[in-house]
């Protein structure tokens, strides 16, 4: 209850993240900064906000396309936190690519006797398979329906142009 009644705004525990202030600070050019210092105006405080890129709660940022960050989007603001997120995503993508390449190299480097056995199994499997002579009946019916509707549409289109 004492914390609710407390009116101390200088307490660092109550310092909040102000996105607009951070963007404004980072967008100031060197000339503007010098000009503000000469006027005696106080520069905005430095961005002390740090993103924990290793936090497991935010794994979807790096894996899901729904959370992709697009630097070319007009609403995107280049901040230190956004840069750290982009760098971490790039690092993880490179790491995943290296892992895939390593597994492919490991598969190619299998012993020759295993490769021969795998080739024989593939040949036997291909002999067992019978060639498919037709499509699924529902699929062929769908194709016929689409073709007939397309022909009808083309015929109506020709009649309208004449």
C-alpha atoms as a PDB file:
ATOM      1  CA  UNK A   1       0.000   0.000   0.000  1.00  0.00           C
ATOM      2  CA  UNK A   2       2.899   2.297   0.739  1.00  0.00           C
ATOM      3  CA  UNK A   3       4.151   1.901  -2.842  1.00  0.00           C
ATOM      4  CA  UNK A   4       0.809   3.061  -4.206  1.00  0.00           C
ATOM      5  CA  UNK A   5       0.760   6.141  -2.038  1.00  0.00           C
ATOM      6  CA  UNK A   6       4.386   6.976  -2.765  1.00  0.00           C
ATOM      7  CA  UNK A   7       4.770  10.032  -4.985  1.00  0.00           C
ATOM      8  CA  UNK A   8       8.492   9.763  -5.725  1.00  0.00           C
ATOM      9  CA  UNK A   9       8.981   9.913  -9.516  1.00  0.00           C
ATOM     10  CA  UNK A  10      12.795   9.997  -9.345  1.00  0.00           C
ATOM     11  CA  UNK A  11      12.928   6.417  -8.175  1.00  0.00           C
ATOM     12  CA  UNK A  12      14.767   4.307 -10.804  1.00  0.00           C
ATOM     13  CA  UNK A  13      12.383   1.420 -10.186  1.00  0.00           C
ATOM     14  CA  UNK A  14       9.621   3.502 -11.764  1.00  0.00           C
ATOM     15  CA  UNK A  15      11.573   4.526 -14.865  1.00  0.00           C
ATOM     16  CA  UNK A  16       9.534   3.498 -17.879  1.00  0.00           C
ATOM     17  CA  UNK A  17      10.437   2.805 -21.469  1.00  0.00           C
ATOM     18  CA  UNK A  18       9.673   5.840 -23.659  1.00  0.00           C
ATOM     19  CA  UNK A  19       9.917   4.867 -27.315  1.00  0.00           C
ATOM     20  CA  UNK A  20       9.335   8.363 -28.712  1.00  0.00           C
ATOM     21  CA  UNK A  21      12.100   9.784 -26.573  1.00  0.00           C
ATOM     22  CA  UNK A  22      14.563   7.126 -27.715  1.00  0.00           C
ATOM     23  CA  UNK A  23      13.759   7.692 -31.391  1.00  0.00           C
ATOM     24  CA  UNK A  24      14.094  11.448 -30.971  1.00  0.00           C
ATOM     25  CA  UNK A  25      17.478  11.048 -29.273  1.00  0.00           C
ATOM     26  CA  UNK A  26      18.817   8.769 -31.985  1.00  0.00           C
ATOM     27  CA  UNK A  27      17.568  10.970 -34.806  1.00  0.00           C
ATOM     28  CA  UNK A  28      19.358  14.082 -33.579  1.00  0.00           C
ATOM     29  CA  UNK A  29      22.226  14.930 -35.873  1.00  0.00           C
ATOM     30  CA  UNK A  30      25.619  16.027 -34.546  1.00  0.00           C
ATOM     31  CA  UNK A  31      24.886  19.654 -35.425  1.00  0.00           C
ATOM     32  CA  UNK A  32      21.615  19.623 -33.514  1.00  0.00           C
ATOM     33  CA  UNK A  33      23.290  18.056 -30.508  1.00  0.00           C
ATOM     34  CA  UNK A  34      25.995  20.723 -30.479  1.00  0.00           C
ATOM     35  CA  UNK A  35      23.367  23.419 -30.902  1.00  0.00           C
ATOM     36  CA  UNK A  36      21.393  22.111 -27.933  1.00  0.00           C
ATOM     37  CA  UNK A  37      24.534  21.989 -25.815  1.00  0.00           C
ATOM     38  CA  UNK A  38      25.410  25.605 -26.721  1.00  0.00           C
ATOM     39  CA  UNK A  39      21.919  26.791 -25.819  1.00  0.00           C
ATOM     40  CA  UNK A  40      22.300  25.070 -22.505  1.00  0.00           C
ATOM     41  CA  UNK A  41      19.403  22.775 -23.121  1.00  0.00           C
ATOM     42  CA  UNK A  42      19.640  19.355 -21.651  1.00  0.00           C
ATOM     43  CA  UNK A  43      20.095  16.476 -24.050  1.00  0.00           C
ATOM     44  CA  UNK A  44      17.743  13.588 -23.727  1.00  0.00           C
ATOM     45  CA  UNK A  45      18.990  10.797 -21.552  1.00  0.00           C
ATOM     46  CA  UNK A  46      20.867   7.965 -23.210  1.00  0.00           C
ATOM     47  CA  UNK A  47      18.977   4.822 -24.176  1.00  0.00           C
ATOM     48  CA  UNK A  48      19.576   2.361 -21.363  1.00  0.00           C
ATOM     49  CA  UNK A  49      16.924  -0.125 -22.476  1.00  0.00           C
ATOM     50  CA  UNK A  50      18.397  -3.568 -23.144  1.00  0.00           C
ATOM     51  CA  UNK A  51      16.562  -6.438 -24.804  1.00  0.00           C
ATOM     52  CA  UNK A  52      17.226  -9.906 -23.451  1.00  0.00           C
ATOM     53  CA  UNK A  53      17.633 -11.734 -26.777  1.00  0.00           C
ATOM     54  CA  UNK A  54      18.130 -15.079 -25.010  1.00  0.00           C
ATOM     55  CA  UNK A  55      14.767 -14.981 -23.214  1.00  0.00           C
ATOM     56  CA  UNK A  56      12.912 -18.204 -24.114  1.00  0.00           C
ATOM     57  CA  UNK A  57       9.542 -16.444 -23.955  1.00  0.00           C
ATOM     58  CA  UNK A  58      10.368 -14.550 -27.134  1.00  0.00           C
ATOM     59  CA  UNK A  59      11.515 -17.450 -29.331  1.00  0.00           C
ATOM     60  CA  UNK A  60       8.680 -16.803 -31.794  1.00  0.00           C
ATOM     61  CA  UNK A  61      10.316 -13.520 -32.784  1.00  0.00           C
ATOM     62  CA  UNK A  62      13.144 -15.510 -34.344  1.00  0.00           C
ATOM     63  CA  UNK A  63      11.181 -18.444 -35.754  1.00  0.00           C
ATOM     64  CA  UNK A  64       7.732 -17.257 -36.815  1.00  0.00           C
ATOM     65  CA  UNK A  65       7.052 -15.271 -39.972  1.00  0.00           C
ATOM     66  CA  UNK A  66       4.280 -13.486 -38.092  1.00  0.00           C
ATOM     67  CA  UNK A  67       6.844 -11.502 -36.101  1.00  0.00           C
ATOM     68  CA  UNK A  68       9.197 -10.565 -38.931  1.00  0.00           C
ATOM     69  CA  UNK A  69      10.791  -7.148 -38.653  1.00  0.00           C
ATOM     70  CA  UNK A  70      10.870  -5.175 -41.894  1.00  0.00           C
ATOM     71  CA  UNK A  71      13.378  -2.300 -41.846  1.00  0.00           C
ATOM     72  CA  UNK A  72      11.875  -0.913 -45.070  1.00  0.00           C
ATOM     73  CA  UNK A  73       8.448  -0.431 -43.450  1.00  0.00           C
ATOM     74  CA  UNK A  74       7.616   3.250 -42.795  1.00  0.00           C
ATOM     75  CA  UNK A  75       6.737   2.564 -39.153  1.00  0.00           C
ATOM     76  CA  UNK A  76      10.064   0.879 -38.440  1.00  0.00           C
ATOM     77  CA  UNK A  77      12.367   2.890 -36.188  1.00  0.00           C
ATOM     78  CA  UNK A  78      16.010   2.008 -35.961  1.00  0.00           C
ATOM     79  CA  UNK A  79      16.829   1.714 -32.267  1.00  0.00           C
ATOM     80  CA  UNK A  80      19.525  -0.202 -30.433  1.00  0.00           C
ATOM     81  CA  UNK A  81      16.960  -2.723 -29.239  1.00  0.00           C
ATOM     82  CA  UNK A  82      15.667  -3.356 -32.768  1.00  0.00           C
ATOM     83  CA  UNK A  83      19.218  -3.679 -34.064  1.00  0.00           C
ATOM     84  CA  UNK A  84      20.003  -6.255 -31.405  1.00  0.00           C
ATOM     85  CA  UNK A  85      16.877  -8.247 -32.356  1.00  0.00           C
ATOM     86  CA  UNK A  86      17.816  -8.175 -36.047  1.00  0.00           C
ATOM     87  CA  UNK A  87      21.394  -9.214 -35.288  1.00  0.00           C
ATOM     88  CA  UNK A  88      20.237 -12.110 -33.120  1.00  0.00           C
ATOM     89  CA  UNK A  89      17.813 -13.271 -35.810  1.00  0.00           C
ATOM     90  CA  UNK A  90      20.580 -13.107 -38.433  1.00  0.00           C
ATOM     91  CA  UNK A  91      22.972 -14.998 -36.154  1.00  0.00           C
ATOM     92  CA  UNK A  92      20.416 -17.745 -35.488  1.00  0.00           C
ATOM     93  CA  UNK A  93      19.617 -18.065 -39.189  1.00  0.00           C
ATOM     94  CA  UNK A  94      23.325 -18.470 -40.022  1.00  0.00           C
ATOM     95  CA  UNK A  95      23.729 -21.004 -37.224  1.00  0.00           C
ATOM     96  CA  UNK A  96      20.762 -23.012 -38.508  1.00  0.00           C
ATOM     97  CA  UNK A  97      22.165 -22.896 -42.054  1.00  0.00           C
ATOM     98  CA  UNK A  98      25.539 -24.167 -40.824  1.00  0.00           C
ATOM     99  CA  UNK A  99      23.793 -26.954 -38.913  1.00  0.00           C
ATOM    100  CA  UNK A 100      21.896 -28.027 -42.050  1.00  0.00           C
ATOM    101  CA  UNK A 101      25.091 -27.997 -44.107  1.00  0.00           C
ATOM    102  CA  UNK A 102      26.859 -30.084 -41.474  1.00  0.00           C
ATOM    103  CA  UNK A 103      24.096 -32.691 -41.467  1.00  0.00           C
ATOM    104  CA  UNK A 104      24.165 -32.873 -45.272  1.00  0.00           C
ATOM    105  CA  UNK A 105      27.942 -33.300 -45.211  1.00  0.00           C
ATOM    106  CA  UNK A 106      27.596 -36.025 -42.589  1.00  0.00           C
ATOM    107  CA  UNK A 107      25.046 -37.862 -44.733  1.00  0.00           C
ATOM    108  CA  UNK A 108      27.300 -37.661 -47.779  1.00  0.00           C
ATOM    109  CA  UNK A 109      30.217 -38.988 -45.769  1.00  0.00           C
ATOM    110  CA  UNK A 110      28.471 -42.242 -44.826  1.00  0.00           C
ATOM    111  CA  UNK A 111      30.528 -45.411 -45.294  1.00  0.00           C
ATOM    112  CA  UNK A 112      30.439 -46.914 -48.833  1.00  0.00           C
ATOM    113  CA  UNK A 113      28.839 -50.199 -47.752  1.00  0.00           C
ATOM    114  CA  UNK A 114      25.887 -48.265 -46.298  1.00  0.00           C
ATOM    115  CA  UNK A 115      25.524 -46.282 -49.513  1.00  0.00           C
ATOM    116  CA  UNK A 116      25.415 -49.490 -51.558  1.00  0.00           C
ATOM    117  CA  UNK A 117      22.800 -51.001 -49.257  1.00  0.00           C
ATOM    118  CA  UNK A 118      20.688 -47.841 -49.498  1.00  0.00           C
ATOM    119  CA  UNK A 119      20.954 -47.898 -53.306  1.00  0.00           C
ATOM    120  CA  UNK A 120      19.816 -51.540 -53.404  1.00  0.00           C
ATOM    121  CA  UNK A 121      16.844 -50.729 -51.167  1.00  0.00           C
ATOM    122  CA  UNK A 122      15.849 -47.864 -53.458  1.00  0.00           C
ATOM    123  CA  UNK A 123      16.009 -50.162 -56.510  1.00  0.00           C
ATOM    124  CA  UNK A 124      13.866 -52.784 -54.787  1.00  0.00           C
ATOM    125  CA  UNK A 125      11.343 -50.150 -53.732  1.00  0.00           C
ATOM    126  CA  UNK A 126      11.074 -48.802 -57.267  1.00  0.00           C
ATOM    127  CA  UNK A 127      10.428 -52.324 -58.611  1.00  0.00           C
ATOM    128  CA  UNK A 128       7.632 -52.844 -56.098  1.00  0.00           C
ATOM    129  CA  UNK A 129       5.863 -49.628 -57.031  1.00  0.00           C
ATOM    130  CA  UNK A 130       3.330 -49.870 -59.814  1.00  0.00           C
ATOM    131  CA  UNK A 131       3.010 -46.925 -62.149  1.00  0.00           C
ATOM    132  CA  UNK A 132      -0.097 -44.873 -61.517  1.00  0.00           C
ATOM    133  CA  UNK A 133      -2.378 -44.951 -64.541  1.00  0.00           C
ATOM    134  CA  UNK A 134      -4.981 -42.461 -63.403  1.00  0.00           C
ATOM    135  CA  UNK A 135      -5.665 -39.645 -61.042  1.00  0.00           C
ATOM    136  CA  UNK A 136      -7.920 -39.635 -58.068  1.00  0.00           C
ATOM    137  CA  UNK A 137     -11.549 -39.638 -59.345  1.00  0.00           C
ATOM    138  CA  UNK A 138     -12.522 -36.569 -57.332  1.00  0.00           C
ATOM    139  CA  UNK A 139      -9.486 -34.702 -58.639  1.00  0.00           C
ATOM    140  CA  UNK A 140     -10.218 -35.583 -62.263  1.00  0.00           C
ATOM    141  CA  UNK A 141     -13.846 -34.507 -61.789  1.00  0.00           C
ATOM    142  CA  UNK A 142     -12.664 -31.178 -60.405  1.00  0.00           C
ATOM    143  CA  UNK A 143     -10.324 -30.667 -63.375  1.00  0.00           C
ATOM    144  CA  UNK A 144     -13.139 -31.421 -65.855  1.00  0.00           C
ATOM    145  CA  UNK A 145     -15.446 -28.992 -64.070  1.00  0.00           C
ATOM    146  CA  UNK A 146     -12.888 -26.200 -64.152  1.00  0.00           C
ATOM    147  CA  UNK A 147     -12.127 -26.797 -67.838  1.00  0.00           C
ATOM    148  CA  UNK A 148     -15.801 -26.689 -68.817  1.00  0.00           C
ATOM    149  CA  UNK A 149     -16.457 -23.520 -66.825  1.00  0.00           C
ATOM    150  CA  UNK A 150     -13.406 -21.879 -68.399  1.00  0.00           C
ATOM    151  CA  UNK A 151     -14.635 -22.784 -71.889  1.00  0.00           C
ATOM    152  CA  UNK A 152     -18.085 -21.379 -71.096  1.00  0.00           C
ATOM    153  CA  UNK A 153     -16.545 -18.166 -69.805  1.00  0.00           C
ATOM    154  CA  UNK A 154     -14.367 -17.804 -72.925  1.00  0.00           C
ATOM    155  CA  UNK A 155     -17.395 -18.402 -75.183  1.00  0.00           C
ATOM    156  CA  UNK A 156     -19.425 -15.698 -73.392  1.00  0.00           C
ATOM    157  CA  UNK A 157     -16.482 -13.327 -73.600  1.00  0.00           C
ATOM    158  CA  UNK A 158     -16.221 -13.834 -77.386  1.00  0.00           C
ATOM    159  CA  UNK A 159     -19.962 -13.201 -77.823  1.00  0.00           C
ATOM    160  CA  UNK A 160     -19.732  -9.917 -75.909  1.00  0.00           C
ATOM    161  CA  UNK A 161     -16.833  -8.633 -78.037  1.00  0.00           C
ATOM    162  CA  UNK A 162     -18.722  -9.344 -81.302  1.00  0.00           C
END
